[in-house]
Amino acid sequence: MGGTSTDYGYSNKTFGVYAFGFILCIFLTLVPFYAVIHSIASYEYLAAIILVSAVAQFFVQIVCFLRLNTKTEQGKINVWSFVFTGVVAFVVIAGSVWIMCNLNYFMMH
């Protein structure tokens, strides 16, 4: 009983990973902010810059702060649980929007 350690599936906490994630998140926040404030592109390009930056920041936070990885078997289970949660959330949200759009259409026509 004495020598075993529990595997929770996430990597070790290190200051370097947190600092790197923090600096990268600040950069990924300032880039779209600068682009919008100075109107460096058209509306479509600004929307694309904001979307790409948001998705990149999402993955930086998942890897650096939640420390989600596939190095161990428990880590793989954690990643698949996270993906499954995202799929369920997408189905619920998309289904709700679909139902509301159909209700709106059939109520107005």
C-alpha atoms as a PDB file:
ATOM      1  CA  MET A   1       0.000   0.000   0.000  1.00  0.00           C
ATOM      2  CA  GLY A   2       2.788   2.422   0.705  1.00  0.00           C
ATOM      3  CA  GLY A   3       4.607   2.865  -2.637  1.00  0.00           C
ATOM      4  CA  THR A   4       1.808   3.316  -5.150  1.00  0.00           C
ATOM      5  CA  SER A   5       0.820   6.666  -6.612  1.00  0.00           C
ATOM      6  CA  THR A   6      -2.492   7.518  -8.187  1.00  0.00           C
ATOM      7  CA  ASP A   7      -2.512   8.517 -11.865  1.00  0.00           C
ATOM      8  CA  TYR A   8      -4.993  11.296 -12.518  1.00  0.00           C
ATOM      9  CA  GLY A   9      -3.965  11.649 -16.159  1.00  0.00           C
ATOM     10  CA  TYR A  10      -2.512  15.139 -16.174  1.00  0.00           C
ATOM     11  CA  SER A  11       1.076  16.290 -16.430  1.00  0.00           C
ATOM     12  CA  ASN A  12       3.196  17.791 -13.677  1.00  0.00           C
ATOM     13  CA  LYS A  13       2.747  21.379 -12.574  1.00  0.00           C
ATOM     14  CA  THR A  14       5.649  23.574 -13.613  1.00  0.00           C
ATOM     15  CA  PHE A  15       5.979  27.326 -13.482  1.00  0.00           C
ATOM     16  CA  GLY A  16       7.363  27.400 -17.030  1.00  0.00           C
ATOM     17  CA  VAL A  17       4.237  25.850 -18.542  1.00  0.00           C
ATOM     18  CA  TYR A  18       1.974  28.264 -16.683  1.00  0.00           C
ATOM     19  CA  ALA A  19       4.133  31.265 -17.628  1.00  0.00           C
ATOM     20  CA  PHE A  20       4.259  30.182 -21.288  1.00  0.00           C
ATOM     21  CA  GLY A  21       0.480  29.693 -21.348  1.00  0.00           C
ATOM     22  CA  PHE A  22      -0.108  33.058 -19.675  1.00  0.00           C
ATOM     23  CA  ILE A  23       2.135  34.943 -22.117  1.00  0.00           C
ATOM     24  CA  LEU A  24       0.601  33.148 -25.099  1.00  0.00           C
ATOM     25  CA  CYS A  25      -2.931  33.950 -23.877  1.00  0.00           C
ATOM     26  CA  ILE A  26      -2.023  37.625 -23.471  1.00  0.00           C
ATOM     27  CA  PHE A  27      -0.630  37.639 -27.022  1.00  0.00           C
ATOM     28  CA  LEU A  28      -3.716  35.872 -28.385  1.00  0.00           C
ATOM     29  CA  THR A  29      -5.893  38.476 -26.674  1.00  0.00           C
ATOM     30  CA  LEU A  30      -3.931  41.519 -27.815  1.00  0.00           C
ATOM     31  CA  VAL A  31      -3.710  40.512 -31.499  1.00  0.00           C
ATOM     32  CA  PRO A  32      -7.476  40.642 -32.201  1.00  0.00           C
ATOM     33  CA  PHE A  33      -7.843  43.660 -29.916  1.00  0.00           C
ATOM     34  CA  TYR A  34      -5.219  45.554 -31.916  1.00  0.00           C
ATOM     35  CA  ALA A  35      -6.750  44.391 -35.203  1.00  0.00           C
ATOM     36  CA  VAL A  36     -10.202  45.657 -34.253  1.00  0.00           C
ATOM     37  CA  ILE A  37      -9.086  48.927 -32.647  1.00  0.00           C
ATOM     38  CA  HIS A  38      -6.937  49.905 -35.644  1.00  0.00           C
ATOM     39  CA  SER A  39      -9.276  48.401 -38.294  1.00  0.00           C
ATOM     40  CA  ILE A  40      -6.424  46.678 -40.114  1.00  0.00           C
ATOM     41  CA  ALA A  41      -8.713  44.612 -42.357  1.00  0.00           C
ATOM     42  CA  SER A  42     -12.269  44.227 -43.601  1.00  0.00           C
ATOM     43  CA  TYR A  43     -15.063  42.924 -41.395  1.00  0.00           C
ATOM     44  CA  GLU A  44     -14.706  39.352 -42.693  1.00  0.00           C
ATOM     45  CA  TYR A  45     -10.955  39.256 -42.013  1.00  0.00           C
ATOM     46  CA  LEU A  46     -11.433  40.756 -38.560  1.00  0.00           C
ATOM     47  CA  ALA A  47     -14.005  38.075 -37.774  1.00  0.00           C
ATOM     48  CA  ALA A  48     -11.564  35.412 -38.992  1.00  0.00           C
ATOM     49  CA  ILE A  49      -8.738  36.872 -36.868  1.00  0.00           C
ATOM     50  CA  ILE A  50     -10.972  36.866 -33.787  1.00  0.00           C
ATOM     51  CA  LEU A  51     -12.182  33.300 -34.439  1.00  0.00           C
ATOM     52  CA  VAL A  52      -8.692  31.874 -35.066  1.00  0.00           C
ATOM     53  CA  SER A  53      -7.323  33.628 -32.002  1.00  0.00           C
ATOM     54  CA  ALA A  54     -10.188  32.362 -29.835  1.00  0.00           C
ATOM     55  CA  VAL A  55      -9.745  28.764 -30.975  1.00  0.00           C
ATOM     56  CA  ALA A  56      -5.976  28.952 -30.474  1.00  0.00           C
ATOM     57  CA  GLN A  57      -6.448  30.423 -27.001  1.00  0.00           C
ATOM     58  CA  PHE A  58      -8.927  27.640 -26.168  1.00  0.00           C
ATOM     59  CA  PHE A  59      -6.341  24.986 -26.993  1.00  0.00           C
ATOM     60  CA  VAL A  60      -3.559  26.848 -25.163  1.00  0.00           C
ATOM     61  CA  GLN A  61      -5.703  26.939 -22.030  1.00  0.00           C
ATOM     62  CA  ILE A  62      -6.633  23.271 -22.354  1.00  0.00           C
ATOM     63  CA  VAL A  63      -3.005  22.187 -22.683  1.00  0.00           C
ATOM     64  CA  CYS A  64      -1.250  24.670 -20.391  1.00  0.00           C
ATOM     65  CA  PHE A  65      -3.764  25.228 -17.588  1.00  0.00           C
ATOM     66  CA  LEU A  66      -5.914  22.084 -17.552  1.00  0.00           C
ATOM     67  CA  ARG A  67      -2.810  20.053 -18.541  1.00  0.00           C
ATOM     68  CA  LEU A  68      -4.887  17.722 -20.704  1.00  0.00           C
ATOM     69  CA  ASN A  69      -2.636  15.254 -22.552  1.00  0.00           C
ATOM     70  CA  THR A  70      -2.408  11.677 -23.760  1.00  0.00           C
ATOM     71  CA  LYS A  71       0.827  10.599 -22.062  1.00  0.00           C
ATOM     72  CA  THR A  72      -0.856   8.043 -19.791  1.00  0.00           C
ATOM     73  CA  GLU A  73      -3.874   5.785 -20.106  1.00  0.00           C
ATOM     74  CA  GLN A  74      -5.837   7.927 -17.648  1.00  0.00           C
ATOM     75  CA  GLY A  75      -4.849  11.002 -19.666  1.00  0.00           C
ATOM     76  CA  LYS A  76      -6.309   9.422 -22.802  1.00  0.00           C
ATOM     77  CA  ILE A  77      -9.530   8.691 -20.935  1.00  0.00           C
ATOM     78  CA  ASN A  78      -9.627  12.325 -19.777  1.00  0.00           C
ATOM     79  CA  VAL A  79      -9.175  13.589 -23.362  1.00  0.00           C
ATOM     80  CA  TRP A  80     -11.940  11.331 -24.687  1.00  0.00           C
ATOM     81  CA  SER A  81     -14.236  12.407 -21.849  1.00  0.00           C
ATOM     82  CA  PHE A  82     -13.561  16.038 -22.749  1.00  0.00           C
ATOM     83  CA  VAL A  83     -14.272  15.366 -26.441  1.00  0.00           C
ATOM     84  CA  PHE A  84     -17.481  13.495 -25.597  1.00  0.00           C
ATOM     85  CA  THR A  85     -18.621  16.404 -23.405  1.00  0.00           C
ATOM     86  CA  GLY A  86     -18.024  18.790 -26.322  1.00  0.00           C
ATOM     87  CA  VAL A  87     -19.984  16.579 -28.724  1.00  0.00           C
ATOM     88  CA  VAL A  88     -22.935  16.336 -26.318  1.00  0.00           C
ATOM     89  CA  ALA A  89     -22.908  20.111 -25.760  1.00  0.00           C
ATOM     90  CA  PHE A  90     -22.808  20.699 -29.531  1.00  0.00           C
ATOM     91  CA  VAL A  91     -25.736  18.321 -30.146  1.00  0.00           C
ATOM     92  CA  VAL A  92     -27.840  19.928 -27.406  1.00  0.00           C
ATOM     93  CA  ILE A  93     -27.113  23.502 -28.545  1.00  0.00           C
ATOM     94  CA  ALA A  94     -27.452  22.789 -32.279  1.00  0.00           C
ATOM     95  CA  GLY A  95     -30.655  20.802 -31.695  1.00  0.00           C
ATOM     96  CA  SER A  96     -32.145  23.605 -29.617  1.00  0.00           C
ATOM     97  CA  VAL A  97     -31.316  26.205 -32.279  1.00  0.00           C
ATOM     98  CA  TRP A  98     -32.749  23.949 -34.992  1.00  0.00           C
ATOM     99  CA  ILE A  99     -35.978  23.443 -33.055  1.00  0.00           C
ATOM    100  CA  MET A 100     -36.336  27.174 -32.353  1.00  0.00           C
ATOM    101  CA  CYS A 101     -35.723  28.065 -36.022  1.00  0.00           C
ATOM    102  CA  ASN A 102     -38.307  25.529 -37.167  1.00  0.00           C
ATOM    103  CA  LEU A 103     -40.816  26.761 -34.612  1.00  0.00           C
ATOM    104  CA  ASN A 104     -40.240  30.335 -35.743  1.00  0.00           C
ATOM    105  CA  TYR A 105     -40.666  29.381 -39.408  1.00  0.00           C
ATOM    106  CA  PHE A 106     -43.858  27.390 -38.868  1.00  0.00           C
ATOM    107  CA  MET A 107     -45.377  30.015 -36.567  1.00  0.00           C
ATOM    108  CA  MET A 108     -44.798  32.783 -39.128  1.00  0.00           C
ATOM    109  CA  HIS A 109     -45.922  30.870 -42.257  1.00  0.00           C
END
